Amino acid sequence: MENVILRILFVLTNAAIFLGTIVLNILAIIYIRSRRDKTSIAILVVNLAIADMIHAMGIIFFSSNLLTPSWIFGEFGCKFSLTIDVLCTV
C-alpha cells in the first residue's frame, strides 16, 4: 500500500513540475515577445525558456524509467533522452 501511494505522489509531483515548467516558460516567452524588446537580455531569457521547456521533456523519460521495470521507449527514446539531457544542461 505504501509503495502505491509513493508512486502516485511521484507521478503527480513530476506532472506538476512538467506542466508548471511548460506553462510558465510559455508565459515568459509571450510576455517578452509582446514587449517587442530586442535587447540581448530579452533574447537570452527567451533562449533559456526554450531550453528549459526542452529539458522538461526529459521528466517524462525519467519518470517512466523509475516507474516501470524496463525501458519502454526503445533505442531512439534512449538516444533522444540523453541528447535532451546533455544539450539543455550544458
PDB file of N, CA and C in Angstrom:
ATOM      1  N   MET A   1       0.821  -1.200   0.000  1.00  0.00           N
ATOM      2  CA  MET A   1       0.000   0.000   0.000  1.00  0.00           C
ATOM      3  C   MET A   1       0.860   1.258   0.000  1.00  0.00           C
ATOM      4  N   GLU A   2       1.889   1.246   0.833  1.00  0.00           N
ATOM      5  CA  GLU A   2       2.760   2.420   0.931  1.00  0.00           C
ATOM      6  C   GLU A   2       3.478   2.690  -0.391  1.00  0.00           C
ATOM      7  N   ASN A   3       3.879   1.629  -1.069  1.00  0.00           N
ATOM      8  CA  ASN A   3       4.573   1.769  -2.343  1.00  0.00           C
ATOM      9  C   ASN A   3       3.664   2.403  -3.395  1.00  0.00           C
ATOM     10  N   VAL A   4       2.384   2.054  -3.385  1.00  0.00           N
ATOM     11  CA  VAL A   4       1.433   2.611  -4.349  1.00  0.00           C
ATOM     12  C   VAL A   4       1.245   4.105  -4.096  1.00  0.00           C
ATOM     13  N   ILE A   5       1.145   4.491  -2.839  1.00  0.00           N
ATOM     14  CA  ILE A   5       0.981   5.904  -2.503  1.00  0.00           C
ATOM     15  C   ILE A   5       2.206   6.700  -2.930  1.00  0.00           C
ATOM     16  N   LEU A   6       3.389   6.154  -2.705  1.00  0.00           N
ATOM     17  CA  LEU A   6       4.613   6.843  -3.122  1.00  0.00           C
ATOM     18  C   LEU A   6       4.681   6.992  -4.635  1.00  0.00           C
ATOM     19  N   ARG A   7       4.261   5.967  -5.357  1.00  0.00           N
ATOM     20  CA  ARG A   7       4.259   6.050  -6.826  1.00  0.00           C
ATOM     21  C   ARG A   7       3.286   7.119  -7.319  1.00  0.00           C
ATOM     22  N   ILE A   8       2.112   7.165  -6.707  1.00  0.00           N
ATOM     23  CA  ILE A   8       1.122   8.174  -7.093  1.00  0.00           C
ATOM     24  C   ILE A   8       1.650   9.573  -6.807  1.00  0.00           C
ATOM     25  N   LEU A   9       2.239   9.775  -5.632  1.00  0.00           N
ATOM     26  CA  LEU A   9       2.823  11.075  -5.297  1.00  0.00           C
ATOM     27  C   LEU A   9       3.951  11.444  -6.251  1.00  0.00           C
ATOM     28  N   PHE A  10       4.756  10.463  -6.613  1.00  0.00           N
ATOM     29  CA  PHE A  10       5.861  10.695  -7.538  1.00  0.00           C
ATOM     30  C   PHE A  10       5.339  11.149  -8.897  1.00  0.00           C
ATOM     31  N   VAL A  11       4.333  10.459  -9.410  1.00  0.00           N
ATOM     32  CA  VAL A  11       3.774  10.808 -10.717  1.00  0.00           C
ATOM     33  C   VAL A  11       3.122  12.190 -10.671  1.00  0.00           C
ATOM     34  N   LEU A  12       2.362  12.468  -9.620  1.00  0.00           N
ATOM     35  CA  LEU A  12       1.701  13.766  -9.515  1.00  0.00           C
ATOM     36  C   LEU A  12       2.706  14.905  -9.377  1.00  0.00           C
ATOM     37  N   THR A  13       3.759  14.683  -8.614  1.00  0.00           N
ATOM     38  CA  THR A  13       4.794  15.708  -8.456  1.00  0.00           C
ATOM     39  C   THR A  13       5.492  15.988  -9.778  1.00  0.00           C
ATOM     40  N   ASN A  14       5.869  14.941 -10.488  1.00  0.00           N
ATOM     41  CA  ASN A  14       6.541  15.134 -11.775  1.00  0.00           C
ATOM     42  C   ASN A  14       5.607  15.756 -12.809  1.00  0.00           C
ATOM     43  N   ALA A  15       4.330  15.395 -12.773  1.00  0.00           N
ATOM     44  CA  ALA A  15       3.373  16.006 -13.700  1.00  0.00           C
ATOM     45  C   ALA A  15       3.215  17.493 -13.404  1.00  0.00           C
ATOM     46  N   ALA A  16       3.169  17.845 -12.128  1.00  0.00           N
ATOM     47  CA  ALA A  16       3.053  19.260 -11.755  1.00  0.00           C
ATOM     48  C   ALA A  16       4.294  20.041 -12.173  1.00  0.00           C
ATOM     49  N   ILE A  17       5.463  19.458 -11.975  1.00  0.00           N
ATOM     50  CA  ILE A  17       6.706  20.120 -12.389  1.00  0.00           C
ATOM     51  C   ILE A  17       6.726  20.299 -13.905  1.00  0.00           C
ATOM     52  N   PHE A  18       6.358  19.256 -14.636  1.00  0.00           N
ATOM     53  CA  PHE A  18       6.353  19.320 -16.097  1.00  0.00           C
ATOM     54  C   PHE A  18       5.383  20.392 -16.597  1.00  0.00           C
ATOM     55  N   LEU A  19       4.150  20.346 -16.115  1.00  0.00           N
ATOM     56  CA  LEU A  19       3.146  21.316 -16.572  1.00  0.00           C
ATOM     57  C   LEU A  19       3.504  22.736 -16.154  1.00  0.00           C
ATOM     58  N   GLY A  20       3.987  22.897 -14.928  1.00  0.00           N
ATOM     59  CA  GLY A  20       4.394  24.223 -14.462  1.00  0.00           C
ATOM     60  C   GLY A  20       5.525  24.789 -15.291  1.00  0.00           C
ATOM     61  N   THR A  21       6.484  23.949 -15.610  1.00  0.00           N
ATOM     62  CA  THR A  21       7.619  24.391 -16.419  1.00  0.00           C
ATOM     63  C   THR A  21       7.167  24.841 -17.798  1.00  0.00           C
ATOM     64  N   ILE A  22       6.339  24.038 -18.435  1.00  0.00           N
ATOM     65  CA  ILE A  22       5.877  24.370 -19.782  1.00  0.00           C
ATOM     66  C   ILE A  22       5.037  25.645 -19.770  1.00  0.00           C
ATOM     67  N   VAL A  23       4.049  25.708 -18.889  1.00  0.00           N
ATOM     68  CA  VAL A  23       3.130  26.855 -18.862  1.00  0.00           C
ATOM     69  C   VAL A  23       3.867  28.146 -18.512  1.00  0.00           C
ATOM     70  N   LEU A  24       4.680  28.124 -17.473  1.00  0.00           N
ATOM     71  CA  LEU A  24       5.361  29.352 -17.050  1.00  0.00           C
ATOM     72  C   LEU A  24       6.388  29.831 -18.072  1.00  0.00           C
ATOM     73  N   ASN A  25       7.066  28.914 -18.732  1.00  0.00           N
ATOM     74  CA  ASN A  25       8.022  29.335 -19.751  1.00  0.00           C
ATOM     75  C   ASN A  25       7.324  29.875 -20.992  1.00  0.00           C
ATOM     76  N   ILE A  26       6.187  29.298 -21.349  1.00  0.00           N
ATOM     77  CA  ILE A  26       5.416  29.848 -22.470  1.00  0.00           C
ATOM     78  C   ILE A  26       4.930  31.254 -22.130  1.00  0.00           C
ATOM     79  N   LEU A  27       4.455  31.444 -20.906  1.00  0.00           N
ATOM     80  CA  LEU A  27       4.025  32.782 -20.488  1.00  0.00           C
ATOM     81  C   LEU A  27       5.182  33.779 -20.516  1.00  0.00           C
ATOM     82  N   ALA A  28       6.365  33.350 -20.099  1.00  0.00           N
ATOM     83  CA  ALA A  28       7.534  34.233 -20.132  1.00  0.00           C
ATOM     84  C   ALA A  28       7.884  34.615 -21.566  1.00  0.00           C
ATOM     85  N   ILE A  29       7.832  33.648 -22.472  1.00  0.00           N
ATOM     86  CA  ILE A  29       8.135  33.929 -23.880  1.00  0.00           C
ATOM     87  C   ILE A  29       7.097  34.881 -24.468  1.00  0.00           C
ATOM     88  N   ILE A  30       5.827  34.642 -24.186  1.00  0.00           N
ATOM     89  CA  ILE A  30       4.771  35.523 -24.698  1.00  0.00           C
ATOM     90  C   ILE A  30       4.946  36.935 -24.166  1.00  0.00           C
ATOM     91  N   TYR A  31       5.248  37.066 -22.887  1.00  0.00           N
ATOM     92  CA  TYR A  31       5.426  38.392 -22.292  1.00  0.00           C
ATOM     93  C   TYR A  31       6.597  39.133 -22.937  1.00  0.00           C
ATOM     94  N   ILE A  32       7.709  38.464 -23.105  1.00  0.00           N
ATOM     95  CA  ILE A  32       8.886  39.125 -23.681  1.00  0.00           C
ATOM     96  C   ILE A  32       8.646  39.467 -25.148  1.00  0.00           C
ATOM     97  N   ARG A  33       7.995  38.567 -25.891  1.00  0.00           N
ATOM     98  CA  ARG A  33       7.728  38.848 -27.306  1.00  0.00           C
ATOM     99  C   ARG A  33       6.698  39.965 -27.475  1.00  0.00           C
ATOM    100  N   SER A  34       5.762  40.089 -26.530  1.00  0.00           N
ATOM    101  CA  SER A  34       4.750  41.140 -26.653  1.00  0.00           C
ATOM    102  C   SER A  34       5.344  42.527 -26.429  1.00  0.00           C
ATOM    103  N   ARG A  35       6.450  42.606 -25.713  1.00  0.00           N
ATOM    104  CA  ARG A  35       7.101  43.891 -25.476  1.00  0.00           C
ATOM    105  C   ARG A  35       7.920  44.330 -26.683  1.00  0.00           C
ATOM    106  N   ARG A  36       8.159  43.418 -27.600  1.00  0.00           N
ATOM    107  CA  ARG A  36       8.973  43.705 -28.790  1.00  0.00           C
ATOM    108  C   ARG A  36      10.358  44.210 -28.393  1.00  0.00           C
ATOM    109  N   ASP A  37      10.846  43.693 -27.300  1.00  0.00           N
ATOM    110  CA  ASP A  37      12.146  44.085 -26.773  1.00  0.00           C
ATOM    111  C   ASP A  37      13.220  43.216 -27.429  1.00  0.00           C
ATOM    112  N   LYS A  38      14.117  43.821 -28.133  1.00  0.00           N
ATOM    113  CA  LYS A  38      15.138  43.068 -28.857  1.00  0.00           C
ATOM    114  C   LYS A  38      16.521  43.183 -28.210  1.00  0.00           C
ATOM    115  N   THR A  39      16.561  43.449 -26.922  1.00  0.00           N
ATOM    116  CA  THR A  39      17.858  43.540 -26.254  1.00  0.00           C
ATOM    117  C   THR A  39      18.451  42.151 -26.092  1.00  0.00           C
ATOM    118  N   SER A  40      19.725  42.117 -25.818  1.00  0.00           N
ATOM    119  CA  SER A  40      20.395  40.829 -25.656  1.00  0.00           C
ATOM    120  C   SER A  40      19.878  40.083 -24.429  1.00  0.00           C
ATOM    121  N   ILE A  41      19.466  40.796 -23.401  1.00  0.00           N
ATOM    122  CA  ILE A  41      18.909  40.147 -22.211  1.00  0.00           C
ATOM    123  C   ILE A  41      17.590  39.455 -22.545  1.00  0.00           C
ATOM    124  N   ALA A  42      16.742  40.105 -23.335  1.00  0.00           N
ATOM    125  CA  ALA A  42      15.460  39.508 -23.718  1.00  0.00           C
ATOM    126  C   ALA A  42      15.679  38.252 -24.556  1.00  0.00           C
ATOM    127  N   ILE A  43      16.625  38.304 -25.457  1.00  0.00           N
ATOM    128  CA  ILE A  43      16.935  37.138 -26.288  1.00  0.00           C
ATOM    129  C   ILE A  43      17.476  36.005 -25.428  1.00  0.00           C
ATOM    130  N   LEU A  44      18.306  36.325 -24.458  1.00  0.00           N
ATOM    131  CA  LEU A  44      18.850  35.318 -23.550  1.00  0.00           C
ATOM    132  C   LEU A  44      17.740  34.658 -22.733  1.00  0.00           C
ATOM    133  N   VAL A  45      16.807  35.446 -22.227  1.00  0.00           N
ATOM    134  CA  VAL A  45      15.713  34.898 -21.422  1.00  0.00           C
ATOM    135  C   VAL A  45      14.827  33.982 -22.266  1.00  0.00           C
ATOM    136  N   VAL A  46      14.530  34.371 -23.486  1.00  0.00           N
ATOM    137  CA  VAL A  46      13.736  33.512 -24.375  1.00  0.00           C
ATOM    138  C   VAL A  46      14.488  32.220 -24.670  1.00  0.00           C
ATOM    139  N   ASN A  47      15.779  32.320 -24.923  1.00  0.00           N
ATOM    140  CA  ASN A  47      16.594  31.142 -25.184  1.00  0.00           C
ATOM    141  C   ASN A  47      16.593  30.203 -23.980  1.00  0.00           C
ATOM    142  N   LEU A  48      16.740  30.746 -22.787  1.00  0.00           N
ATOM    143  CA  LEU A  48      16.720  29.926 -21.576  1.00  0.00           C
ATOM    144  C   LEU A  48      15.352  29.284 -21.358  1.00  0.00           C
ATOM    145  N   ALA A  49      14.289  30.005 -21.665  1.00  0.00           N
ATOM    146  CA  ALA A  49      12.946  29.449 -21.513  1.00  0.00           C
ATOM    147  C   ALA A  49      12.729  28.282 -22.472  1.00  0.00           C
ATOM    148  N   ILE A  50      13.203  28.416 -23.695  1.00  0.00           N
ATOM    149  CA  ILE A  50      13.071  27.325 -24.672  1.00  0.00           C
ATOM    150  C   ILE A  50      13.891  26.119 -24.236  1.00  0.00           C
ATOM    151  N   ALA A  51      15.117  26.346 -23.787  1.00  0.00           N
ATOM    152  CA  ALA A  51      15.957  25.243 -23.315  1.00  0.00           C
ATOM    153  C   ALA A  51      15.337  24.568 -22.096  1.00  0.00           C
ATOM    154  N   ASP A  52      14.734  25.345 -21.221  1.00  0.00           N
ATOM    155  CA  ASP A  52      14.088  24.788 -20.037  1.00  0.00           C
ATOM    156  C   ASP A  52      12.894  23.918 -20.418  1.00  0.00           C
ATOM    157  N   MET A  53      12.125  24.344 -21.421  1.00  0.00           N
ATOM    158  CA  MET A  53      10.988  23.532 -21.867  1.00  0.00           C
ATOM    159  C   MET A  53      11.457  22.225 -22.504  1.00  0.00           C
ATOM    160  N   ILE A  54      12.510  22.293 -23.286  1.00  0.00           N
ATOM    161  CA  ILE A  54      13.038  21.074 -23.902  1.00  0.00           C
ATOM    162  C   ILE A  54      13.573  20.136 -22.828  1.00  0.00           C
ATOM    163  N   HIS A  55      14.256  20.694 -21.850  1.00  0.00           N
ATOM    164  CA  HIS A  55      14.792  19.874 -20.764  1.00  0.00           C
ATOM    165  C   HIS A  55      13.664  19.256 -19.940  1.00  0.00           C
ATOM    166  N   ALA A  56      12.549  19.949 -19.812  1.00  0.00           N
ATOM    167  CA  ALA A  56      11.404  19.419 -19.063  1.00  0.00           C
ATOM    168  C   ALA A  56      10.824  18.179 -19.735  1.00  0.00           C
ATOM    169  N   MET A  57      11.009  18.050 -21.045  1.00  0.00           N
ATOM    170  CA  MET A  57      10.543  16.846 -21.728  1.00  0.00           C
ATOM    171  C   MET A  57      11.258  15.611 -21.206  1.00  0.00           C
ATOM    172  N   GLY A  58      12.453  15.791 -20.675  1.00  0.00           N
ATOM    173  CA  GLY A  58      13.191  14.672 -20.099  1.00  0.00           C
ATOM    174  C   GLY A  58      12.552  14.117 -18.845  1.00  0.00           C
ATOM    175  N   ILE A  59      11.689  14.893 -18.198  1.00  0.00           N
ATOM    176  CA  ILE A  59      10.999  14.412 -16.998  1.00  0.00           C
ATOM    177  C   ILE A  59      10.134  13.205 -17.339  1.00  0.00           C
ATOM    178  N   ILE A  60       9.556  13.198 -18.519  1.00  0.00           N
ATOM    179  CA  ILE A  60       8.718  12.076 -18.941  1.00  0.00           C
ATOM    180  C   ILE A  60       9.544  10.798 -18.992  1.00  0.00           C
ATOM    181  N   PHE A  61      10.725  10.871 -19.574  1.00  0.00           N
ATOM    182  CA  PHE A  61      11.591   9.699 -19.658  1.00  0.00           C
ATOM    183  C   PHE A  61      12.056   9.260 -18.275  1.00  0.00           C
ATOM    184  N   PHE A  62      12.454  10.224 -17.447  1.00  0.00           N
ATOM    185  CA  PHE A  62      12.941   9.925 -16.103  1.00  0.00           C
ATOM    186  C   PHE A  62      11.853   9.267 -15.261  1.00  0.00           C
ATOM    187  N   SER A  63      10.648   9.811 -15.307  1.00  0.00           N
ATOM    188  CA  SER A  63       9.545   9.276 -14.502  1.00  0.00           C
ATOM    189  C   SER A  63       9.177   7.862 -14.924  1.00  0.00           C
ATOM    190  N   SER A  64       9.043   7.652 -16.207  1.00  0.00           N
ATOM    191  CA  SER A  64       8.654   6.323 -16.673  1.00  0.00           C
ATOM    192  C   SER A  64       9.748   5.302 -16.406  1.00  0.00           C
ATOM    193  N   ASN A  65      10.990   5.726 -16.451  1.00  0.00           N
ATOM    194  CA  ASN A  65      12.091   4.811 -16.176  1.00  0.00           C
ATOM    195  C   ASN A  65      12.071   4.355 -14.721  1.00  0.00           C
ATOM    196  N   LEU A  66      11.680   5.222 -13.812  1.00  0.00           N
ATOM    197  CA  LEU A  66      11.608   4.839 -12.406  1.00  0.00           C
ATOM    198  C   LEU A  66      10.341   4.057 -12.069  1.00  0.00           C
ATOM    199  N   LEU A  67       9.295   4.229 -12.850  1.00  0.00           N
ATOM    200  CA  LEU A  67       8.025   3.562 -12.554  1.00  0.00           C
ATOM    201  C   LEU A  67       7.901   2.182 -13.181  1.00  0.00           C
ATOM    202  N   THR A  68       8.574   1.952 -14.281  1.00  0.00           N
ATOM    203  CA  THR A  68       8.473   0.659 -14.956  1.00  0.00           C
ATOM    204  C   THR A  68       9.769  -0.120 -14.769  1.00  0.00           C
ATOM    205  N   PRO A  69       9.686  -1.440 -14.811  1.00  0.00           N
ATOM    206  CA  PRO A  69      10.897  -2.239 -14.580  1.00  0.00           C
ATOM    207  C   PRO A  69      11.892  -2.221 -15.742  1.00  0.00           C
ATOM    208  N   SER A  70      11.446  -1.805 -16.922  1.00  0.00           N
ATOM    209  CA  SER A  70      12.361  -1.780 -18.066  1.00  0.00           C
ATOM    210  C   SER A  70      12.127  -0.513 -18.878  1.00  0.00           C
ATOM    211  N   TRP A  71      13.058  -0.223 -19.771  1.00  0.00           N
ATOM    212  CA  TRP A  71      12.969   0.951 -20.630  1.00  0.00           C
ATOM    213  C   TRP A  71      11.940   0.688 -21.710  1.00  0.00           C
ATOM    214  N   ILE A  72      10.948   1.568 -21.852  1.00  0.00           N
ATOM    215  CA  ILE A  72       9.834   1.317 -22.776  1.00  0.00           C
ATOM    216  C   ILE A  72       9.915   2.139 -24.059  1.00  0.00           C
ATOM    217  N   PHE A  73      10.919   2.999 -24.180  1.00  0.00           N
ATOM    218  CA  PHE A  73      10.967   3.918 -25.318  1.00  0.00           C
ATOM    219  C   PHE A  73      11.874   3.460 -26.452  1.00  0.00           C
ATOM    220  N   GLY A  74      12.501   2.338 -26.311  1.00  0.00           N
ATOM    221  CA  GLY A  74      13.347   1.815 -27.367  1.00  0.00           C
ATOM    222  C   GLY A  74      14.668   2.557 -27.502  1.00  0.00           C
ATOM    223  N   GLU A  75      15.400   2.206 -28.545  1.00  0.00           N
ATOM    224  CA  GLU A  75      16.729   2.789 -28.756  1.00  0.00           C
ATOM    225  C   GLU A  75      16.644   4.282 -29.078  1.00  0.00           C
ATOM    226  N   PHE A  76      15.673   4.663 -29.902  1.00  0.00           N
ATOM    227  CA  PHE A  76      15.523   6.079 -30.239  1.00  0.00           C
ATOM    228  C   PHE A  76      15.222   6.910 -28.999  1.00  0.00           C
ATOM    229  N   GLY A  77      14.318   6.432 -28.155  1.00  0.00           N
ATOM    230  CA  GLY A  77      13.982   7.147 -26.927  1.00  0.00           C
ATOM    231  C   GLY A  77      15.174   7.298 -26.008  1.00  0.00           C
ATOM    232  N   CYS A  78      16.013   6.282 -25.969  1.00  0.00           N
ATOM    233  CA  CYS A  78      17.220   6.339 -25.145  1.00  0.00           C
ATOM    234  C   CYS A  78      18.166   7.427 -25.651  1.00  0.00           C
ATOM    235  N   LYS A  79      18.422   7.425 -26.935  1.00  0.00           N
ATOM    236  CA  LYS A  79      19.318   8.435 -27.506  1.00  0.00           C
ATOM    237  C   LYS A  79      18.718   9.835 -27.405  1.00  0.00           C
ATOM    238  N   PHE A  80      17.416   9.940 -27.626  1.00  0.00           N
ATOM    239  CA  PHE A  80      16.744  11.237 -27.561  1.00  0.00           C
ATOM    240  C   PHE A  80      16.782  11.810 -26.151  1.00  0.00           C
ATOM    241  N   SER A  81      16.509  10.981 -25.148  1.00  0.00           N
ATOM    242  CA  SER A  81      16.511  11.476 -23.766  1.00  0.00           C
ATOM    243  C   SER A  81      17.908  11.900 -23.336  1.00  0.00           C
ATOM    244  N   LEU A  82      18.926  11.164 -23.748  1.00  0.00           N
ATOM    245  CA  LEU A  82      20.301  11.558 -23.421  1.00  0.00           C
ATOM    246  C   LEU A  82      20.685  12.847 -24.138  1.00  0.00           C
ATOM    247  N   THR A  83      20.244  12.994 -25.380  1.00  0.00           N
ATOM    248  CA  THR A  83      20.530  14.217 -26.131  1.00  0.00           C
ATOM    249  C   THR A  83      19.879  15.424 -25.471  1.00  0.00           C
ATOM    250  N   ILE A  84      18.622  15.278 -25.071  1.00  0.00           N
ATOM    251  CA  ILE A  84      17.934  16.367 -24.367  1.00  0.00           C
ATOM    252  C   ILE A  84      18.692  16.743 -23.106  1.00  0.00           C
ATOM    253  N   ASP A  85      19.067  15.733 -22.346  1.00  0.00           N
ATOM    254  CA  ASP A  85      19.734  15.984 -21.073  1.00  0.00           C
ATOM    255  C   ASP A  85      21.063  16.698 -21.268  1.00  0.00           C
ATOM    256  N   VAL A  86      21.858  16.246 -22.218  1.00  0.00           N
ATOM    257  CA  VAL A  86      23.185  16.836 -22.426  1.00  0.00           C
ATOM    258  C   VAL A  86      23.088  18.229 -23.044  1.00  0.00           C
ATOM    259  N   LEU A  87      22.302  18.393 -24.094  1.00  0.00           N
ATOM    260  CA  LEU A  87      22.245  19.674 -24.792  1.00  0.00           C
ATOM    261  C   LEU A  87      21.636  20.789 -23.959  1.00  0.00           C
ATOM    262  N   CYS A  88      20.656  20.464 -23.132  1.00  0.00           N
ATOM    263  CA  CYS A  88      19.987  21.509 -22.357  1.00  0.00           C
ATOM    264  C   CYS A  88      20.655  21.770 -21.018  1.00  0.00           C
ATOM    265  N   THR A  89      21.547  20.918 -20.600  1.00  0.00           N
ATOM    266  CA  THR A  89      22.228  21.118 -19.328  1.00  0.00           C
ATOM    267  C   THR A  89      23.511  21.909 -19.509  1.00  0.00           C
ATOM    268  N   VAL A  90      24.155  21.727 -20.629  1.00  0.00           N
ATOM    269  CA  VAL A  90      25.458  22.372 -20.852  1.00  0.00           C
ATOM    270  C   VAL A  90      25.341  23.829 -21.054  1.00  0.00           C
TER     271      VAL A  90
END
